[in-house]
Amino acid sequence: MSTKKNHSRQYDIVVFGATGYTGKYTAEYIAERLPTDLKWAIAGRSQTKLEEVLAHCKTTNPDRGTSYPSIEVCDLNDSDLSALAKKTFILIACVGPFCKLGEYAFKACAENGTHYLDVTGETPWVLRMINTYSSAAQKSGALLFPQFGIESAPPDLLTYSLASHLRTEHQAKTEDVIISIHTFNCGPSGGTLATVFSIADYVPLPDFVAAYKPYALSPKPNPARVPPPSLWTKLTGLITAPELGLLTTSVAHKTDAALVHRSWGLLEGTDRAYGPKFSFREFMKTRNYLTGFGMHLGIVLLQIAIVTPFIRRFLAGWVRQPGTGPDEETARRDEIEYRGVAKGDVEDGKEKPEVVGKAWFRGRGAYYCDDDIVTGMLVAEGADTLLRDDAASKLEGGVYTPAVLGQPLLDRLEKGGLHFETKTLEK
């Protein structure tokens, strides 16, 4: 077992929002899978609900001995969150929608030198947090990792894995990456759906536009341009990619691209740089042209609904509500799989190597496939990487991405059931 970092805080990890749907699964995963030398706590507003989560953790792993979580009652305000942040080395934030409720925890960690991970997929909020609290994090030494959940972490990490393969096996930079959401049989929780239909109530349209500009989250501008889509792709969403087949518009492509582009900017200039010509695109696998066009049209209509108040509020009343999720028996049959292909950037005249890869998680036993279960695993293993990995100690305070934690994080996720595989494409 790897050694924990020395620190003066009362806890190694605190799960804030542990009584919510994602928070419960995060606490369950920690109780079941992380080392028993952990000093940790679950935090939220209700003592009674926290005691219920604690009782469930004990049934999940009755052999954990004395290393079950403590309980911290904490309200959603600056003073309570600041006090909680001072008690822990790492805080995992599971309280959303983040555009409405997330700033308290982010601010407290940035100002108090507490490392932080969250489960948001709200890119406009992430951009605002970067602009507002990066300086505070640099001064305090806090390492802040937003967007560590299922929405963006897997494509970010698969891109990192593909670029690493090109670098180590072919001594090549990365020119172009295409990621396909190949399979996503995984129902969203009520909290995820509530966020989709509420974010526009808190984020002005100009902020949406600014957040989704190319490389808006990146600390460095990229002079390389993403290959423009053809007119056919613009109209239908359809594209055929080598090794990936027929693809269509991804519902998460702008959110995931924003995070991957930030990883590019953070790693550029290091020995893990992707390269100056790097570009990233994401799509979804489709069975045929008609289905693919239908998916593309549905996403366009969803975007219109999100920015149209009366449609958005009508639909919000019909979707699964916060605190709920898919039933366990359905989720046990579900799976998630991303596939990717990367082209190498080499000197003129040389053949460009290509690498293919995939990341996948399939329901098994107690760990059935649910977006919040996979998210709980991601943030728990991310926190354990921060707590134990030496490379993380060399990072300076600031706002980072999952890819920055690199291979140590990938190794931990492998043990948790999220697998990554890359290989050179034979021509």
Protein backbone atom coordinates (compact mmCIF):
# COMPACT_ATOMS: atom_id res chain seq x y z
CA MET A 1 0.00 0.00 0.00
CA SER A 2 1.39 3.42 -0.96
CA THR A 3 2.21 5.90 1.79
CA LYS A 4 -0.04 8.83 2.56
CA LYS A 5 1.31 12.35 2.48
CA ASN A 6 2.04 13.95 5.82
CA HIS A 7 -0.24 16.85 6.68
CA SER A 8 -1.60 18.57 9.75
CA ARG A 9 -5.31 18.34 8.90
CA GLN A 10 -7.85 16.32 10.90
CA TYR A 11 -8.99 14.39 7.82
CA ASP A 12 -7.42 13.07 4.64
CA ILE A 13 -10.67 13.29 2.66
CA VAL A 14 -14.13 14.76 3.28
CA VAL A 15 -17.08 13.96 1.00
CA PHE A 16 -19.27 17.08 1.04
CA GLY A 17 -22.84 16.40 -0.05
CA ALA A 18 -22.62 12.76 1.02
CA THR A 19 -26.41 12.43 1.43
CA GLY A 20 -27.06 13.17 -2.24
CA TYR A 21 -27.25 10.54 -4.95
CA THR A 22 -23.65 10.92 -6.18
CA GLY A 23 -22.29 11.61 -2.70
CA LYS A 24 -23.69 8.35 -1.33
CA TYR A 25 -21.99 6.32 -4.03
CA THR A 26 -18.73 8.20 -3.50
CA ALA A 27 -18.82 7.39 0.22
CA GLU A 28 -19.76 3.77 -0.54
CA TYR A 29 -16.83 3.40 -2.93
CA ILE A 30 -14.37 4.87 -0.41
CA ALA A 31 -15.63 2.55 2.31
CA GLU A 32 -15.42 -0.47 0.02
CA ARG A 33 -12.21 0.18 -1.93
CA LEU A 34 -9.81 2.77 -0.49
CA PRO A 35 -7.10 1.78 2.04
CA THR A 36 -8.10 1.40 5.68
CA ASP A 37 -5.46 3.87 6.90
CA LEU A 38 -7.71 6.66 5.61
CA LYS A 39 -8.95 9.37 7.97
CA TRP A 40 -12.15 10.63 6.39
CA ALA A 41 -15.55 12.16 6.96
CA ILE A 42 -18.91 12.59 5.29
CA ALA A 43 -20.44 16.07 5.41
CA GLY A 44 -23.84 17.60 4.77
CA ARG A 45 -26.67 19.53 6.35
CA SER A 46 -28.62 16.67 7.96
CA GLN A 47 -27.20 14.70 10.90
CA THR A 48 -29.91 12.06 10.49
CA LYS A 49 -29.24 11.50 6.78
CA LEU A 50 -25.49 11.39 7.37
CA GLU A 51 -26.00 8.71 10.00
CA GLU A 52 -27.94 6.70 7.42
CA VAL A 53 -25.05 6.99 4.96
CA LEU A 54 -22.61 5.93 7.69
CA ALA A 55 -24.74 2.88 8.51
CA HIS A 56 -24.79 1.93 4.84
CA CYS A 57 -21.00 2.28 4.61
CA LYS A 58 -20.68 -0.17 7.48
CA THR A 59 -22.85 -2.73 5.71
CA THR A 60 -20.92 -2.21 2.47
CA ASN A 61 -17.65 -3.20 4.12
CA PRO A 62 -18.11 -4.68 7.61
CA ASP A 63 -14.39 -5.55 7.76
CA ARG A 64 -13.14 -1.97 7.63
CA GLY A 65 -12.51 -1.89 11.39
CA THR A 66 -12.29 1.60 12.85
CA SER A 67 -11.73 3.40 9.55
CA TYR A 68 -15.34 4.36 8.90
CA PRO A 69 -16.09 8.03 8.27
CA SER A 70 -16.75 10.65 10.90
CA ILE A 71 -19.76 12.94 10.49
CA GLU A 72 -19.48 16.68 9.88
CA VAL A 73 -22.68 18.74 9.84
CA CYS A 74 -22.10 21.67 7.51
CA ASP A 75 -24.47 24.21 6.02
CA LEU A 76 -24.07 25.78 2.61
CA ASN A 77 -22.39 29.11 3.41
CA ASP A 78 -18.93 30.65 3.42
CA SER A 79 -18.22 30.30 7.14
CA ASP A 80 -19.23 26.64 7.42
CA LEU A 81 -17.40 25.63 4.24
CA SER A 82 -14.27 27.53 5.24
CA ALA A 83 -14.25 25.76 8.61
CA LEU A 84 -14.75 22.38 6.92
CA ALA A 85 -12.02 23.04 4.34
CA LYS A 86 -9.53 23.83 7.09
CA LYS A 87 -10.15 20.40 8.63
CA THR A 88 -9.30 18.30 5.57
CA PHE A 89 -6.43 17.73 3.16
CA ILE A 90 -8.87 16.99 0.29
CA LEU A 91 -12.53 17.87 -0.18
CA ILE A 92 -14.77 16.07 -2.69
CA ALA A 93 -17.74 18.30 -3.61
CA CYS A 94 -20.96 16.56 -4.68
CA VAL A 95 -23.43 19.41 -4.15
CA GLY A 96 -25.05 20.73 -7.31
CA PRO A 97 -26.20 22.31 -9.51
CA PHE A 98 -22.77 23.87 -9.19
CA CYS A 99 -23.75 27.06 -11.00
CA LYS A 100 -26.15 27.66 -8.10
CA LEU A 101 -24.53 25.95 -5.10
CA GLY A 102 -20.94 25.08 -5.96
CA GLU A 103 -18.98 28.27 -5.37
CA TYR A 104 -18.93 28.04 -1.56
CA ALA A 105 -16.83 24.87 -1.55
CA PHE A 106 -14.59 25.93 -4.44
CA LYS A 107 -13.84 29.26 -2.80
CA ALA A 108 -13.21 27.73 0.63
CA CYS A 109 -10.70 25.24 -0.77
CA ALA A 110 -8.92 27.79 -2.96
CA GLU A 111 -8.48 30.19 -0.04
CA ASN A 112 -7.51 27.61 2.59
CA GLY A 113 -5.02 25.46 0.68
CA THR A 114 -7.35 22.46 0.55
CA HIS A 115 -7.17 20.17 -2.46
CA TYR A 116 -10.51 19.79 -4.23
CA LEU A 117 -12.36 17.57 -6.70
CA ASP A 118 -15.93 17.89 -7.92
CA VAL A 119 -18.45 16.13 -10.14
CA THR A 120 -19.72 19.02 -12.25
CA GLY A 121 -20.09 19.14 -16.01
CA GLU A 122 -21.06 22.82 -16.04
CA THR A 123 -18.36 24.40 -18.21
CA PRO A 124 -19.54 28.05 -17.85
CA TRP A 125 -19.31 27.68 -14.06
CA VAL A 126 -15.85 26.10 -14.34
CA LEU A 127 -14.64 29.03 -16.46
CA ARG A 128 -15.93 31.48 -13.86
CA MET A 129 -14.21 29.57 -11.04
CA ILE A 130 -10.90 29.54 -12.96
CA ASN A 131 -11.08 33.27 -13.58
CA THR A 132 -12.13 34.08 -10.02
CA TYR A 133 -10.05 31.77 -7.83
CA SER A 134 -6.88 30.75 -9.71
CA SER A 135 -4.82 33.46 -7.98
CA ALA A 136 -6.07 32.40 -4.54
CA ALA A 137 -5.22 28.77 -5.28
CA GLN A 138 -1.73 29.69 -6.45
CA LYS A 139 -1.13 31.57 -3.19
CA SER A 140 -2.55 28.87 -0.91
CA GLY A 141 -1.16 25.86 -2.81
CA ALA A 142 -4.61 24.33 -3.34
CA LEU A 143 -4.89 21.87 -6.23
CA LEU A 144 -8.39 22.21 -7.65
CA PHE A 145 -9.85 19.59 -10.02
CA PRO A 146 -13.34 20.44 -11.34
CA GLN A 147 -15.08 18.21 -13.91
CA PHE A 148 -13.75 14.96 -12.44
CA GLY A 149 -16.94 12.97 -13.07
CA ILE A 150 -18.36 10.87 -15.87
CA GLU A 151 -19.22 13.92 -18.02
CA SER A 152 -15.64 14.68 -19.04
CA ALA A 153 -12.97 12.71 -17.18
CA PRO A 154 -13.03 9.51 -19.33
CA PRO A 155 -12.48 11.27 -22.70
CA ASP A 156 -9.87 13.51 -21.06
CA LEU A 157 -7.99 10.49 -19.71
CA LEU A 158 -8.37 8.47 -22.93
CA THR A 159 -6.92 11.38 -24.89
CA TYR A 160 -4.02 11.50 -22.43
CA SER A 161 -3.49 7.77 -22.86
CA LEU A 162 -3.46 8.00 -26.66
CA ALA A 163 -1.01 10.91 -26.63
CA SER A 164 1.22 9.07 -24.14
CA HIS A 165 1.33 6.04 -26.42
CA LEU A 166 2.38 8.17 -29.39
CA ARG A 167 5.04 9.88 -27.29
CA THR A 168 6.55 6.77 -25.68
CA GLU A 169 6.20 4.24 -28.51
CA HIS A 170 6.77 6.49 -31.54
CA GLN A 171 8.52 9.58 -30.11
CA ALA A 172 5.77 11.59 -31.77
CA LYS A 173 3.59 14.51 -30.75
CA THR A 174 -0.18 14.27 -31.26
CA GLU A 175 -1.79 15.99 -34.21
CA ASP A 176 -5.43 14.93 -34.05
CA VAL A 177 -7.65 12.95 -31.67
CA ILE A 178 -11.18 11.75 -32.37
CA ILE A 179 -13.12 10.25 -29.48
CA SER A 180 -16.34 8.31 -29.95
CA ILE A 181 -18.86 7.64 -27.21
CA HIS A 182 -19.21 4.11 -28.51
CA THR A 183 -21.62 2.79 -25.86
CA PHE A 184 -23.38 4.70 -23.09
CA ASN A 185 -26.09 2.42 -21.75
CA CYS A 186 -26.15 4.27 -18.48
CA GLY A 187 -29.11 6.24 -17.17
CA PRO A 188 -28.55 9.77 -15.83
CA SER A 189 -29.47 10.60 -12.26
CA GLY A 190 -32.11 13.14 -11.32
CA GLY A 191 -29.39 15.58 -10.28
CA THR A 192 -27.78 15.43 -13.72
CA LEU A 193 -31.10 16.06 -15.45
CA ALA A 194 -31.97 18.87 -13.04
CA THR A 195 -28.68 20.56 -13.88
CA VAL A 196 -29.34 20.32 -17.62
CA PHE A 197 -32.67 22.09 -17.25
CA SER A 198 -31.64 24.64 -14.62
CA ILE A 199 -28.20 25.88 -15.66
CA ALA A 200 -29.62 28.50 -18.03
CA ASP A 201 -31.50 30.02 -15.07
CA TYR A 202 -28.16 30.97 -13.52
CA VAL A 203 -25.83 31.46 -16.49
CA PRO A 204 -26.42 34.32 -18.95
CA LEU A 205 -26.34 33.38 -22.64
CA PRO A 206 -23.13 35.42 -23.31
CA ASP A 207 -21.35 33.37 -20.62
CA PHE A 208 -22.43 30.17 -22.37
CA VAL A 209 -21.00 31.44 -25.64
CA ALA A 210 -17.72 32.51 -24.01
CA ALA A 211 -17.25 29.19 -22.18
CA TYR A 212 -17.61 27.09 -25.32
CA LYS A 213 -15.24 29.04 -27.54
CA PRO A 214 -12.27 26.91 -28.63
CA TYR A 215 -9.71 26.70 -25.82
CA ALA A 216 -11.76 28.97 -23.52
CA LEU A 217 -10.59 26.97 -20.48
CA SER A 218 -7.02 26.55 -21.68
CA PRO A 219 -4.32 28.63 -19.95
CA LYS A 220 -2.66 29.01 -23.37
CA PRO A 221 -4.10 29.86 -26.79
CA ASN A 222 -3.67 27.26 -29.52
CA PRO A 223 -2.88 28.57 -33.00
CA ALA A 224 -3.88 25.22 -34.52
CA ARG A 225 -7.48 25.04 -35.68
CA VAL A 226 -9.74 22.04 -35.23
CA PRO A 227 -10.47 20.60 -38.71
CA PRO A 228 -13.68 22.30 -39.85
CA PRO A 229 -16.67 20.02 -40.40
CA SER A 230 -17.98 19.49 -43.89
CA LEU A 231 -21.33 20.98 -44.89
CA TRP A 232 -22.79 17.46 -44.71
CA THR A 233 -21.65 17.09 -41.10
CA LYS A 234 -22.94 20.54 -40.17
CA LEU A 235 -26.39 19.71 -41.51
CA THR A 236 -26.73 16.08 -40.41
CA GLY A 237 -24.16 15.63 -37.63
CA LEU A 238 -22.85 12.56 -39.48
CA ILE A 239 -19.21 11.73 -40.10
CA THR A 240 -17.30 8.54 -40.86
CA ALA A 241 -14.01 8.19 -38.99
CA PRO A 242 -11.33 5.55 -39.63
CA GLU A 243 -11.49 2.70 -37.08
CA LEU A 244 -14.55 4.27 -35.42
CA GLY A 245 -17.15 3.94 -38.16
CA LEU A 246 -20.26 6.04 -38.63
CA LEU A 247 -20.58 8.75 -35.96
CA THR A 248 -22.94 11.58 -35.12
CA THR A 249 -23.06 14.63 -32.84
CA SER A 250 -22.15 14.00 -29.21
CA VAL A 251 -24.34 15.60 -26.57
CA ALA A 252 -21.19 16.21 -24.51
CA HIS A 253 -18.77 17.26 -27.23
CA LYS A 254 -18.42 20.92 -26.21
CA THR A 255 -18.13 20.13 -22.51
CA ASP A 256 -15.55 17.40 -23.06
CA ALA A 257 -13.58 19.41 -25.62
CA ALA A 258 -13.30 22.30 -23.16
CA LEU A 259 -11.68 20.06 -20.54
CA VAL A 260 -9.40 18.26 -23.00
CA HIS A 261 -8.22 21.59 -24.42
CA ARG A 262 -7.41 22.76 -20.89
CA SER A 263 -5.35 19.60 -20.38
CA TRP A 264 -3.49 20.43 -23.60
CA GLY A 265 -2.68 23.91 -22.29
CA LEU A 266 -1.62 22.72 -18.83
CA LEU A 267 0.70 20.03 -20.22
CA GLU A 268 2.16 22.09 -23.07
CA GLY A 269 5.80 22.89 -22.33
CA THR A 270 6.24 19.80 -20.14
CA ASP A 271 7.64 16.37 -21.00
CA ARG A 272 4.04 15.15 -21.38
CA ALA A 273 2.97 17.78 -23.95
CA TYR A 274 0.53 16.71 -26.64
CA GLY A 275 2.09 19.00 -29.24
CA PRO A 276 1.53 22.37 -30.93
CA LYS A 277 -0.72 21.02 -33.71
CA PHE A 278 -3.07 19.16 -31.35
CA SER A 279 -6.80 19.11 -32.11
CA PHE A 280 -9.67 17.21 -30.48
CA ARG A 281 -13.12 16.20 -31.69
CA GLU A 282 -15.81 14.05 -30.09
CA PHE A 283 -18.80 12.24 -31.58
CA MET A 284 -21.21 9.41 -30.73
CA LYS A 285 -21.44 6.01 -32.40
CA THR A 286 -24.64 5.48 -34.40
CA ARG A 287 -26.13 2.36 -36.02
CA ASN A 288 -27.13 3.98 -39.31
CA TYR A 289 -27.64 7.28 -41.09
CA LEU A 290 -31.27 7.72 -40.06
CA THR A 291 -30.60 7.07 -36.38
CA GLY A 292 -27.56 9.33 -36.45
CA PHE A 293 -29.48 12.20 -38.00
CA GLY A 294 -32.26 11.71 -35.46
CA MET A 295 -29.74 11.91 -32.60
CA HIS A 296 -28.22 15.06 -34.07
CA LEU A 297 -31.65 16.67 -34.50
CA GLY A 298 -32.61 15.71 -30.94
CA ILE A 299 -29.50 17.40 -29.55
CA VAL A 300 -30.23 20.55 -31.56
CA LEU A 301 -33.79 20.63 -30.20
CA LEU A 302 -32.54 20.02 -26.65
CA GLN A 303 -30.19 23.00 -26.95
CA ILE A 304 -33.08 25.15 -28.12
CA ALA A 305 -35.19 23.94 -25.19
CA ILE A 306 -32.46 24.73 -22.66
CA VAL A 307 -32.25 28.38 -23.74
CA THR A 308 -36.05 28.81 -24.04
CA PRO A 309 -37.42 29.45 -20.53
CA PHE A 310 -41.00 28.19 -20.82
CA ILE A 311 -39.96 24.99 -22.68
CA ARG A 312 -37.11 24.37 -20.23
CA ARG A 313 -39.35 24.70 -17.18
CA PHE A 314 -42.04 22.51 -18.69
CA LEU A 315 -39.59 19.70 -19.44
CA ALA A 316 -37.93 20.00 -16.02
CA GLY A 317 -41.15 18.84 -14.38
CA TRP A 318 -41.21 15.62 -16.40
CA VAL A 319 -37.67 14.34 -15.95
CA ARG A 320 -36.25 12.28 -13.08
CA GLN A 321 -35.92 14.46 -9.99
CA PRO A 322 -32.77 15.13 -7.87
CA GLY A 323 -31.88 12.36 -5.44
CA THR A 324 -33.11 9.62 -7.76
CA GLY A 325 -31.51 7.42 -10.39
CA PRO A 326 -32.03 4.30 -12.49
CA ASP A 327 -32.99 1.11 -10.67
CA GLU A 328 -30.19 -1.31 -9.79
CA GLU A 329 -31.40 -4.23 -11.90
CA THR A 330 -31.46 -2.08 -15.03
CA ALA A 331 -28.08 -0.57 -14.25
CA ARG A 332 -26.45 -4.00 -13.75
CA ARG A 333 -26.91 -4.64 -17.47
CA ASP A 334 -25.50 -1.28 -18.53
CA GLU A 335 -22.05 -0.37 -19.78
CA ILE A 336 -19.95 2.60 -20.85
CA GLU A 337 -17.33 2.53 -23.58
CA TYR A 338 -15.34 5.28 -25.26
CA ARG A 339 -13.14 4.63 -28.30
CA GLY A 340 -10.52 6.88 -29.81
CA VAL A 341 -8.03 7.23 -32.61
CA ALA A 342 -5.01 9.55 -32.57
CA LYS A 343 -2.74 10.60 -35.41
CA GLY A 344 0.89 11.40 -34.73
CA ASP A 345 2.62 14.66 -35.64
CA VAL A 346 6.02 13.84 -37.18
CA GLU A 347 8.57 15.50 -39.42
CA ASP A 348 7.66 16.04 -43.07
CA GLY A 349 8.12 13.01 -45.24
CA LYS A 350 7.70 10.45 -42.47
CA GLU A 351 4.67 8.24 -42.16
CA LYS A 352 2.36 9.42 -39.41
CA PRO A 353 1.73 6.73 -36.80
CA GLU A 354 -1.83 6.15 -35.65
CA VAL A 355 -2.94 4.82 -32.28
CA VAL A 356 -6.34 3.41 -31.32
CA GLY A 357 -7.66 3.04 -27.81
CA LYS A 358 -10.69 2.54 -25.64
CA ALA A 359 -11.92 3.14 -22.12
CA TRP A 360 -14.72 1.03 -20.70
CA PHE A 361 -16.67 0.18 -17.56
CA ARG A 362 -19.21 -2.62 -17.23
CA GLY A 363 -21.55 -3.32 -14.38
CA ARG A 364 -20.42 -6.11 -12.07
CA GLY A 365 -21.60 -7.25 -8.68
CA ALA A 366 -22.36 -4.35 -6.36
CA TYR A 367 -20.74 -1.94 -8.80
CA TYR A 368 -23.41 -1.85 -11.46
CA CYS A 369 -23.12 0.70 -14.23
CA ASP A 370 -24.65 4.03 -13.27
CA ASP A 371 -23.24 7.44 -14.13
CA ASP A 372 -23.07 8.40 -10.44
CA ILE A 373 -21.33 5.17 -9.44
CA VAL A 374 -18.65 5.71 -12.09
CA THR A 375 -18.38 9.35 -11.00
CA GLY A 376 -17.98 8.26 -7.36
CA MET A 377 -15.15 5.95 -8.37
CA LEU A 378 -13.45 8.68 -10.41
CA VAL A 379 -13.41 11.30 -7.65
CA ALA A 380 -12.51 8.77 -4.94
CA GLU A 381 -9.54 7.41 -6.88
CA GLY A 382 -8.57 10.93 -7.91
CA ALA A 383 -8.51 11.97 -4.26
CA ASP A 384 -6.45 8.91 -3.33
CA THR A 385 -3.98 9.79 -6.09
CA LEU A 386 -3.60 13.30 -4.65
CA LEU A 387 -3.15 11.81 -1.19
CA ARG A 388 -0.50 9.23 -2.07
CA ASP A 389 1.24 9.94 -5.37
CA ASP A 390 4.59 11.74 -5.29
CA ALA A 391 4.09 13.39 -8.69
CA ALA A 392 1.03 15.23 -7.40
CA SER A 393 3.21 16.79 -4.70
CA LYS A 394 5.21 18.61 -7.39
CA LEU A 395 2.20 20.51 -8.72
CA GLU A 396 1.88 24.17 -7.81
CA GLY A 397 -1.43 25.60 -6.61
CA GLY A 398 -3.99 26.10 -9.36
CA VAL A 399 -6.92 24.65 -11.29
CA TYR A 400 -6.17 21.34 -13.03
CA THR A 401 -7.75 18.48 -15.00
CA PRO A 402 -7.86 14.70 -14.48
CA ALA A 403 -5.26 14.17 -17.23
CA VAL A 404 -2.66 16.08 -15.22
CA LEU A 405 -2.63 13.22 -12.68
CA GLY A 406 -1.63 10.93 -15.54
CA GLN A 407 -0.64 7.28 -15.25
CA PRO A 408 -0.92 6.98 -11.44
CA LEU A 409 -4.61 7.86 -11.74
CA LEU A 410 -5.11 5.49 -14.67
CA ASP A 411 -3.57 2.66 -12.66
CA ARG A 412 -5.94 3.25 -9.76
CA LEU A 413 -8.98 3.43 -12.02
CA GLU A 414 -7.99 0.13 -13.60
CA LYS A 415 -8.31 -1.54 -10.22
CA GLY A 416 -11.69 0.14 -9.74
CA GLY A 417 -13.07 -1.24 -13.00
CA LEU A 418 -12.55 1.62 -15.47
CA HIS A 419 -10.16 0.12 -18.00
CA PHE A 420 -7.95 1.87 -20.56
CA GLU A 421 -6.24 0.24 -23.53
CA THR A 422 -4.17 1.68 -26.40
CA LYS A 423 -2.29 0.09 -29.27
CA THR A 424 -0.60 1.10 -32.50
CA LEU A 425 -2.74 0.74 -35.58
CA GLU A 426 -1.06 -1.63 -37.97
CA LYS A 427 -1.20 -0.41 -41.56
